[in-house]
Amino acid sequence: MSDESISQHIGNLTLMLLYLTSWEEKDLPHWRKSWKGYDFDVRDQLEGMGLISGNHRAKSLYLSKAGIEAAVKLLKEYGID
């Protein structure tokens, strides 16, 4: 398995974990909030793809609508309901 493939799997798994541990914010219905206790490089990669966003000082981040959709799709691909 190549380093790029491993990196992609880590990004996918991190996105799924962010989604699975997230909650919906009342003031932002198309976004979900999650704690950001994950690898900085992986979070930067996901943010660069427009799947998450957040303030670097905050302890949480937001999953965008695209991030939510991507996470749900990945969960189905990995066989997780």
PDB file of N, CA and C in Angstrom:
ATOM      1  N   MET A   1       0.856  -1.166   0.000  1.00  0.00           N
ATOM      2  CA  MET A   1       0.000   0.000   0.000  1.00  0.00           C
ATOM      3  C   MET A   1       0.908   1.237   0.000  1.00  0.00           C
ATOM      4  N   SER A   2       0.625   2.169  -0.852  1.00  0.00           N
ATOM      5  CA  SER A   2       1.455   3.372  -0.969  1.00  0.00           C
ATOM      6  C   SER A   2       1.149   4.357   0.158  1.00  0.00           C
ATOM      7  N   ASP A   3       2.087   5.277   0.388  1.00  0.00           N
ATOM      8  CA  ASP A   3       1.881   6.312   1.406  1.00  0.00           C
ATOM      9  C   ASP A   3       0.663   7.161   1.089  1.00  0.00           C
ATOM     10  N   GLU A   4       0.436   7.435  -0.205  1.00  0.00           N
ATOM     11  CA  GLU A   4      -0.726   8.238  -0.615  1.00  0.00           C
ATOM     12  C   GLU A   4      -2.020   7.509  -0.293  1.00  0.00           C
ATOM     13  N   SER A   5      -2.051   6.205  -0.524  1.00  0.00           N
ATOM     14  CA  SER A   5      -3.237   5.405  -0.235  1.00  0.00           C
ATOM     15  C   SER A   5      -3.510   5.368   1.270  1.00  0.00           C
ATOM     16  N   ILE A   6      -2.453   5.205   2.051  1.00  0.00           N
ATOM     17  CA  ILE A   6      -2.603   5.192   3.506  1.00  0.00           C
ATOM     18  C   ILE A   6      -3.132   6.544   3.982  1.00  0.00           C
ATOM     19  N   SER A   7      -2.574   7.623   3.443  1.00  0.00           N
ATOM     20  CA  SER A   7      -3.016   8.969   3.796  1.00  0.00           C
ATOM     21  C   SER A   7      -4.492   9.170   3.469  1.00  0.00           C
ATOM     22  N   GLN A   8      -4.920   8.665   2.333  1.00  0.00           N
ATOM     23  CA  GLN A   8      -6.333   8.792   1.930  1.00  0.00           C
ATOM     24  C   GLN A   8      -7.232   8.022   2.896  1.00  0.00           C
ATOM     25  N   HIS A   9      -6.823   6.815   3.277  1.00  0.00           N
ATOM     26  CA  HIS A   9      -7.620   6.029   4.227  1.00  0.00           C
ATOM     27  C   HIS A   9      -7.702   6.729   5.580  1.00  0.00           C
ATOM     28  N   ILE A  10      -6.592   7.297   6.029  1.00  0.00           N
ATOM     29  CA  ILE A  10      -6.594   8.015   7.305  1.00  0.00           C
ATOM     30  C   ILE A  10      -7.537   9.218   7.228  1.00  0.00           C
ATOM     31  N   GLY A  11      -7.503   9.943   6.118  1.00  0.00           N
ATOM     32  CA  GLY A  11      -8.423  11.066   5.928  1.00  0.00           C
ATOM     33  C   GLY A  11      -9.874  10.611   5.935  1.00  0.00           C
ATOM     34  N   ASN A  12     -10.156   9.506   5.237  1.00  0.00           N
ATOM     35  CA  ASN A  12     -11.525   8.970   5.206  1.00  0.00           C
ATOM     36  C   ASN A  12     -11.991   8.569   6.599  1.00  0.00           C
ATOM     37  N   LEU A  13     -11.147   7.847   7.318  1.00  0.00           N
ATOM     38  CA  LEU A  13     -11.516   7.392   8.656  1.00  0.00           C
ATOM     39  C   LEU A  13     -11.695   8.568   9.615  1.00  0.00           C
ATOM     40  N   THR A  14     -10.847   9.575   9.496  1.00  0.00           N
ATOM     41  CA  THR A  14     -10.968  10.759  10.347  1.00  0.00           C
ATOM     42  C   THR A  14     -12.273  11.492  10.061  1.00  0.00           C
ATOM     43  N   LEU A  15     -12.610  11.651   8.784  1.00  0.00           N
ATOM     44  CA  LEU A  15     -13.863  12.312   8.429  1.00  0.00           C
ATOM     45  C   LEU A  15     -15.057  11.537   8.990  1.00  0.00           C
ATOM     46  N   MET A  16     -15.017  10.223   8.883  1.00  0.00           N
ATOM     47  CA  MET A  16     -16.119   9.418   9.423  1.00  0.00           C
ATOM     48  C   MET A  16     -16.215   9.573  10.938  1.00  0.00           C
ATOM     49  N   LEU A  17     -15.072   9.551  11.635  1.00  0.00           N
ATOM     50  CA  LEU A  17     -15.090   9.721  13.089  1.00  0.00           C
ATOM     51  C   LEU A  17     -15.588  11.109  13.480  1.00  0.00           C
ATOM     52  N   LEU A  18     -15.166  12.127  12.746  1.00  0.00           N
ATOM     53  CA  LEU A  18     -15.672  13.475  13.016  1.00  0.00           C
ATOM     54  C   LEU A  18     -17.195  13.508  12.889  1.00  0.00           C
ATOM     55  N   TYR A  19     -17.710  12.870  11.855  1.00  0.00           N
ATOM     56  CA  TYR A  19     -19.161  12.839  11.644  1.00  0.00           C
ATOM     57  C   TYR A  19     -19.862  12.043  12.751  1.00  0.00           C
ATOM     58  N   LEU A  20     -19.329  10.859  13.057  1.00  0.00           N
ATOM     59  CA  LEU A  20     -19.975   9.998  14.046  1.00  0.00           C
ATOM     60  C   LEU A  20     -19.999  10.601  15.446  1.00  0.00           C
ATOM     61  N   THR A  21     -19.062  11.480  15.740  1.00  0.00           N
ATOM     62  CA  THR A  21     -19.014  12.117  17.061  1.00  0.00           C
ATOM     63  C   THR A  21     -19.540  13.548  17.037  1.00  0.00           C
ATOM     64  N   SER A  22     -20.204  13.925  15.965  1.00  0.00           N
ATOM     65  CA  SER A  22     -20.669  15.300  15.803  1.00  0.00           C
ATOM     66  C   SER A  22     -22.084  15.498  16.332  1.00  0.00           C
ATOM     67  N   TRP A  23     -22.445  16.751  16.440  1.00  0.00           N
ATOM     68  CA  TRP A  23     -23.795  17.129  16.836  1.00  0.00           C
ATOM     69  C   TRP A  23     -24.244  18.300  15.972  1.00  0.00           C
ATOM     70  N   GLU A  24     -25.559  18.476  15.891  1.00  0.00           N
ATOM     71  CA  GLU A  24     -26.108  19.551  15.062  1.00  0.00           C
ATOM     72  C   GLU A  24     -26.262  20.821  15.888  1.00  0.00           C
ATOM     73  N   GLU A  25     -25.832  21.911  15.310  1.00  0.00           N
ATOM     74  CA  GLU A  25     -25.981  23.214  15.941  1.00  0.00           C
ATOM     75  C   GLU A  25     -27.315  23.823  15.515  1.00  0.00           C
ATOM     76  N   LYS A  26     -28.057  24.370  16.446  1.00  0.00           N
ATOM     77  CA  LYS A  26     -29.362  24.946  16.140  1.00  0.00           C
ATOM     78  C   LYS A  26     -29.259  26.151  15.218  1.00  0.00           C
ATOM     79  N   ASP A  27     -28.198  26.949  15.384  1.00  0.00           N
ATOM     80  CA  ASP A  27     -28.078  28.170  14.584  1.00  0.00           C
ATOM     81  C   ASP A  27     -27.473  27.919  13.193  1.00  0.00           C
ATOM     82  N   LEU A  28     -26.925  26.736  12.953  1.00  0.00           N
ATOM     83  CA  LEU A  28     -26.345  26.381  11.647  1.00  0.00           C
ATOM     84  C   LEU A  28     -26.853  24.999  11.229  1.00  0.00           C
ATOM     85  N   PRO A  29     -28.067  24.911  10.686  1.00  0.00           N
ATOM     86  CA  PRO A  29     -28.678  23.605  10.417  1.00  0.00           C
ATOM     87  C   PRO A  29     -27.991  22.768   9.341  1.00  0.00           C
ATOM     88  N   HIS A  30     -27.200  23.354   8.475  1.00  0.00           N
ATOM     89  CA  HIS A  30     -26.554  22.577   7.422  1.00  0.00           C
ATOM     90  C   HIS A  30     -25.120  22.201   7.788  1.00  0.00           C
ATOM     91  N   TRP A  31     -24.744  22.466   9.012  1.00  0.00           N
ATOM     92  CA  TRP A  31     -23.403  22.158   9.497  1.00  0.00           C
ATOM     93  C   TRP A  31     -23.523  21.302  10.745  1.00  0.00           C
ATOM     94  N   ARG A  32     -22.497  20.520  11.010  1.00  0.00           N
ATOM     95  CA  ARG A  32     -22.437  19.761  12.255  1.00  0.00           C
ATOM     96  C   ARG A  32     -21.130  20.126  12.939  1.00  0.00           C
ATOM     97  N   LYS A  33     -21.118  20.089  14.252  1.00  0.00           N
ATOM     98  CA  LYS A  33     -19.951  20.466  15.030  1.00  0.00           C
ATOM     99  C   LYS A  33     -19.324  19.213  15.640  1.00  0.00           C
ATOM    100  N   SER A  34     -18.001  19.184  15.738  1.00  0.00           N
ATOM    101  CA  SER A  34     -17.301  18.040  16.313  1.00  0.00           C
ATOM    102  C   SER A  34     -16.041  18.528  17.015  1.00  0.00           C
ATOM    103  N   TRP A  35     -15.587  17.777  18.001  1.00  0.00           N
ATOM    104  CA  TRP A  35     -14.320  18.095  18.657  1.00  0.00           C
ATOM    105  C   TRP A  35     -13.196  17.800  17.693  1.00  0.00           C
ATOM    106  N   LYS A  36     -12.137  18.588  17.755  1.00  0.00           N
ATOM    107  CA  LYS A  36     -11.090  18.460  16.755  1.00  0.00           C
ATOM    108  C   LYS A  36      -9.807  17.825  17.281  1.00  0.00           C
ATOM    109  N   GLY A  37      -9.924  16.774  18.042  1.00  0.00           N
ATOM    110  CA  GLY A  37      -8.767  16.091  18.608  1.00  0.00           C
ATOM    111  C   GLY A  37      -8.125  15.096  17.652  1.00  0.00           C
ATOM    112  N   TYR A  38      -7.895  15.503  16.426  1.00  0.00           N
ATOM    113  CA  TYR A  38      -7.311  14.626  15.415  1.00  0.00           C
ATOM    114  C   TYR A  38      -6.054  15.262  14.840  1.00  0.00           C
ATOM    115  N   ASP A  39      -5.294  14.505  14.117  1.00  0.00           N
ATOM    116  CA  ASP A  39      -4.030  14.932  13.535  1.00  0.00           C
ATOM    117  C   ASP A  39      -4.186  16.243  12.754  1.00  0.00           C
ATOM    118  N   PHE A  40      -3.266  17.184  13.003  1.00  0.00           N
ATOM    119  CA  PHE A  40      -3.317  18.497  12.352  1.00  0.00           C
ATOM    120  C   PHE A  40      -3.233  18.385  10.828  1.00  0.00           C
ATOM    121  N   ASP A  41      -2.328  17.563  10.327  1.00  0.00           N
ATOM    122  CA  ASP A  41      -2.155  17.436   8.873  1.00  0.00           C
ATOM    123  C   ASP A  41      -3.415  16.894   8.209  1.00  0.00           C
ATOM    124  N   VAL A  42      -4.059  15.930   8.842  1.00  0.00           N
ATOM    125  CA  VAL A  42      -5.294  15.358   8.285  1.00  0.00           C
ATOM    126  C   VAL A  42      -6.397  16.411   8.308  1.00  0.00           C
ATOM    127  N   ARG A  43      -6.511  17.141   9.407  1.00  0.00           N
ATOM    128  CA  ARG A  43      -7.523  18.202   9.479  1.00  0.00           C
ATOM    129  C   ARG A  43      -7.269  19.273   8.433  1.00  0.00           C
ATOM    130  N   ASP A  44      -6.005  19.647   8.239  1.00  0.00           N
ATOM    131  CA  ASP A  44      -5.679  20.640   7.211  1.00  0.00           C
ATOM    132  C   ASP A  44      -6.076  20.140   5.828  1.00  0.00           C
ATOM    133  N   GLN A  45      -5.849  18.861   5.562  1.00  0.00           N
ATOM    134  CA  GLN A  45      -6.218  18.266   4.274  1.00  0.00           C
ATOM    135  C   GLN A  45      -7.738  18.315   4.079  1.00  0.00           C
ATOM    136  N   LEU A  46      -8.488  17.932   5.090  1.00  0.00           N
ATOM    137  CA  LEU A  46      -9.955  17.948   5.008  1.00  0.00           C
ATOM    138  C   LEU A  46     -10.473  19.373   4.862  1.00  0.00           C
ATOM    139  N   GLU A  47      -9.838  20.306   5.542  1.00  0.00           N
ATOM    140  CA  GLU A  47     -10.248  21.708   5.426  1.00  0.00           C
ATOM    141  C   GLU A  47      -9.961  22.236   4.024  1.00  0.00           C
ATOM    142  N   GLY A  48      -8.822  21.851   3.459  1.00  0.00           N
ATOM    143  CA  GLY A  48      -8.472  22.250   2.102  1.00  0.00           C
ATOM    144  C   GLY A  48      -9.441  21.714   1.062  1.00  0.00           C
ATOM    145  N   MET A  49     -10.101  20.619   1.384  1.00  0.00           N
ATOM    146  CA  MET A  49     -11.085  20.019   0.480  1.00  0.00           C
ATOM    147  C   MET A  49     -12.477  20.609   0.703  1.00  0.00           C
ATOM    148  N   GLY A  50     -12.614  21.523   1.677  1.00  0.00           N
ATOM    149  CA  GLY A  50     -13.906  22.153   1.951  1.00  0.00           C
ATOM    150  C   GLY A  50     -14.852  21.271   2.747  1.00  0.00           C
ATOM    151  N   LEU A  51     -14.339  20.231   3.408  1.00  0.00           N
ATOM    152  CA  LEU A  51     -15.195  19.302   4.145  1.00  0.00           C
ATOM    153  C   LEU A  51     -15.390  19.710   5.598  1.00  0.00           C
ATOM    154  N   ILE A  52     -14.433  20.455   6.125  1.00  0.00           N
ATOM    155  CA  ILE A  52     -14.524  20.963   7.490  1.00  0.00           C
ATOM    156  C   ILE A  52     -14.005  22.394   7.519  1.00  0.00           C
ATOM    157  N   SER A  53     -14.322  23.097   8.598  1.00  0.00           N
ATOM    158  CA  SER A  53     -13.749  24.422   8.818  1.00  0.00           C
ATOM    159  C   SER A  53     -13.782  24.705  10.304  1.00  0.00           C
ATOM    160  N   GLY A  54     -12.958  25.650  10.712  1.00  0.00           N
ATOM    161  CA  GLY A  54     -12.972  26.008  12.119  1.00  0.00           C
ATOM    162  C   GLY A  54     -11.899  27.002  12.458  1.00  0.00           C
ATOM    163  N   ASN A  55     -12.079  27.623  13.583  1.00  0.00           N
ATOM    164  CA  ASN A  55     -11.140  28.568  14.139  1.00  0.00           C
ATOM    165  C   ASN A  55     -10.028  27.776  14.814  1.00  0.00           C
ATOM    166  N   HIS A  56      -8.787  28.154  14.605  1.00  0.00           N
ATOM    167  CA  HIS A  56      -7.673  27.410  15.186  1.00  0.00           C
ATOM    168  C   HIS A  56      -7.620  27.508  16.713  1.00  0.00           C
ATOM    169  N   ARG A  57      -8.273  28.508  17.290  1.00  0.00           N
ATOM    170  CA  ARG A  57      -8.287  28.661  18.746  1.00  0.00           C
ATOM    171  C   ARG A  57      -9.384  27.827  19.398  1.00  0.00           C
ATOM    172  N   ALA A  58     -10.429  27.511  18.669  1.00  0.00           N
ATOM    173  CA  ALA A  58     -11.559  26.769  19.220  1.00  0.00           C
ATOM    174  C   ALA A  58     -11.207  25.297  19.401  1.00  0.00           C
ATOM    175  N   LYS A  59     -11.924  24.640  20.295  1.00  0.00           N
ATOM    176  CA  LYS A  59     -11.705  23.214  20.538  1.00  0.00           C
ATOM    177  C   LYS A  59     -12.565  22.331  19.643  1.00  0.00           C
ATOM    178  N   SER A  60     -13.413  22.963  18.843  1.00  0.00           N
ATOM    179  CA  SER A  60     -14.283  22.199  17.955  1.00  0.00           C
ATOM    180  C   SER A  60     -14.171  22.758  16.539  1.00  0.00           C
ATOM    181  N   LEU A  61     -14.734  22.013  15.599  1.00  0.00           N
ATOM    182  CA  LEU A  61     -14.743  22.428  14.202  1.00  0.00           C
ATOM    183  C   LEU A  61     -16.113  22.136  13.626  1.00  0.00           C
ATOM    184  N   TYR A  62     -16.343  22.598  12.412  1.00  0.00           N
ATOM    185  CA  TYR A  62     -17.611  22.373  11.738  1.00  0.00           C
ATOM    186  C   TYR A  62     -17.412  21.474  10.533  1.00  0.00           C
ATOM    187  N   LEU A  63     -18.327  20.536  10.348  1.00  0.00           N
ATOM    188  CA  LEU A  63     -18.389  19.765   9.113  1.00  0.00           C
ATOM    189  C   LEU A  63     -19.350  20.499   8.191  1.00  0.00           C
ATOM    190  N   SER A  64     -18.914  20.751   6.978  1.00  0.00           N
ATOM    191  CA  SER A  64     -19.767  21.434   6.006  1.00  0.00           C
ATOM    192  C   SER A  64     -20.802  20.455   5.458  1.00  0.00           C
ATOM    193  N   LYS A  65     -21.730  20.968   4.694  1.00  0.00           N
ATOM    194  CA  LYS A  65     -22.719  20.101   4.054  1.00  0.00           C
ATOM    195  C   LYS A  65     -22.010  19.069   3.174  1.00  0.00           C
ATOM    196  N   ALA A  66     -20.988  19.505   2.446  1.00  0.00           N
ATOM    197  CA  ALA A  66     -20.212  18.570   1.608  1.00  0.00           C
ATOM    198  C   ALA A  66     -19.492  17.545   2.472  1.00  0.00           C
ATOM    199  N   GLY A  67     -18.996  17.972   3.633  1.00  0.00           N
ATOM    200  CA  GLY A  67     -18.327  17.054   4.544  1.00  0.00           C
ATOM    201  C   GLY A  67     -19.274  16.021   5.109  1.00  0.00           C
ATOM    202  N   ILE A  68     -20.473  16.458   5.448  1.00  0.00           N
ATOM    203  CA  ILE A  68     -21.491  15.534   5.958  1.00  0.00           C
ATOM    204  C   ILE A  68     -21.851  14.513   4.886  1.00  0.00           C
ATOM    205  N   GLU A  69     -22.096  14.995   3.673  1.00  0.00           N
ATOM    206  CA  GLU A  69     -22.449  14.092   2.572  1.00  0.00           C
ATOM    207  C   GLU A  69     -21.321  13.100   2.283  1.00  0.00           C
ATOM    208  N   ALA A  70     -20.077  13.572   2.291  1.00  0.00           N
ATOM    209  CA  ALA A  70     -18.938  12.689   2.037  1.00  0.00           C
ATOM    210  C   ALA A  70     -18.803  11.641   3.141  1.00  0.00           C
ATOM    211  N   ALA A  71     -19.001  12.047   4.390  1.00  0.00           N
ATOM    212  CA  ALA A  71     -18.905  11.115   5.513  1.00  0.00           C
ATOM    213  C   ALA A  71     -19.979  10.038   5.427  1.00  0.00           C
ATOM    214  N   VAL A  72     -21.205  10.432   5.137  1.00  0.00           N
ATOM    215  CA  VAL A  72     -22.299   9.467   5.015  1.00  0.00           C
ATOM    216  C   VAL A  72     -22.014   8.480   3.881  1.00  0.00           C
ATOM    217  N   LYS A  73     -21.516   8.976   2.768  1.00  0.00           N
ATOM    218  CA  LYS A  73     -21.163   8.114   1.636  1.00  0.00           C
ATOM    219  C   LYS A  73     -20.058   7.131   2.032  1.00  0.00           C
ATOM    220  N   LEU A  74     -19.035   7.623   2.711  1.00  0.00           N
ATOM    221  CA  LEU A  74     -17.947   6.752   3.159  1.00  0.00           C
ATOM    222  C   LEU A  74     -18.426   5.687   4.136  1.00  0.00           C
ATOM    223  N   LEU A  75     -19.298   6.069   5.051  1.00  0.00           N
ATOM    224  CA  LEU A  75     -19.838   5.100   6.006  1.00  0.00           C
ATOM    225  C   LEU A  75     -20.543   3.954   5.279  1.00  0.00           C
ATOM    226  N   LYS A  76     -21.298   4.282   4.252  1.00  0.00           N
ATOM    227  CA  LYS A  76     -21.974   3.249   3.451  1.00  0.00           C
ATOM    228  C   LYS A  76     -20.953   2.368   2.739  1.00  0.00           C
ATOM    229  N   GLU A  77     -19.893   2.979   2.182  1.00  0.00           N
ATOM    230  CA  GLU A  77     -18.863   2.230   1.489  1.00  0.00           C
ATOM    231  C   GLU A  77     -18.122   1.281   2.426  1.00  0.00           C
ATOM    232  N   TYR A  78     -17.928   1.706   3.662  1.00  0.00           N
ATOM    233  CA  TYR A  78     -17.248   0.875   4.654  1.00  0.00           C
ATOM    234  C   TYR A  78     -18.215  -0.098   5.339  1.00  0.00           C
ATOM    235  N   GLY A  79     -19.496  -0.049   4.962  1.00  0.00           N
ATOM    236  CA  GLY A  79     -20.483  -0.977   5.521  1.00  0.00           C
ATOM    237  C   GLY A  79     -20.953  -0.616   6.917  1.00  0.00           C
ATOM    238  N   ILE A  80     -20.903   0.673   7.258  1.00  0.00           N
ATOM    239  CA  ILE A  80     -21.342   1.140   8.565  1.00  0.00           C
ATOM    240  C   ILE A  80     -22.643   1.917   8.382  1.00  0.00           C
ATOM    241  N   ASP A  81     -23.670   1.518   9.138  1.00  0.00           N
ATOM    242  CA  ASP A  81     -24.969   2.188   9.026  1.00  0.00           C
ATOM    243  C   ASP A  81     -25.073   3.345   9.970  1.00  0.00           C
TER     244      ASP A  81
END
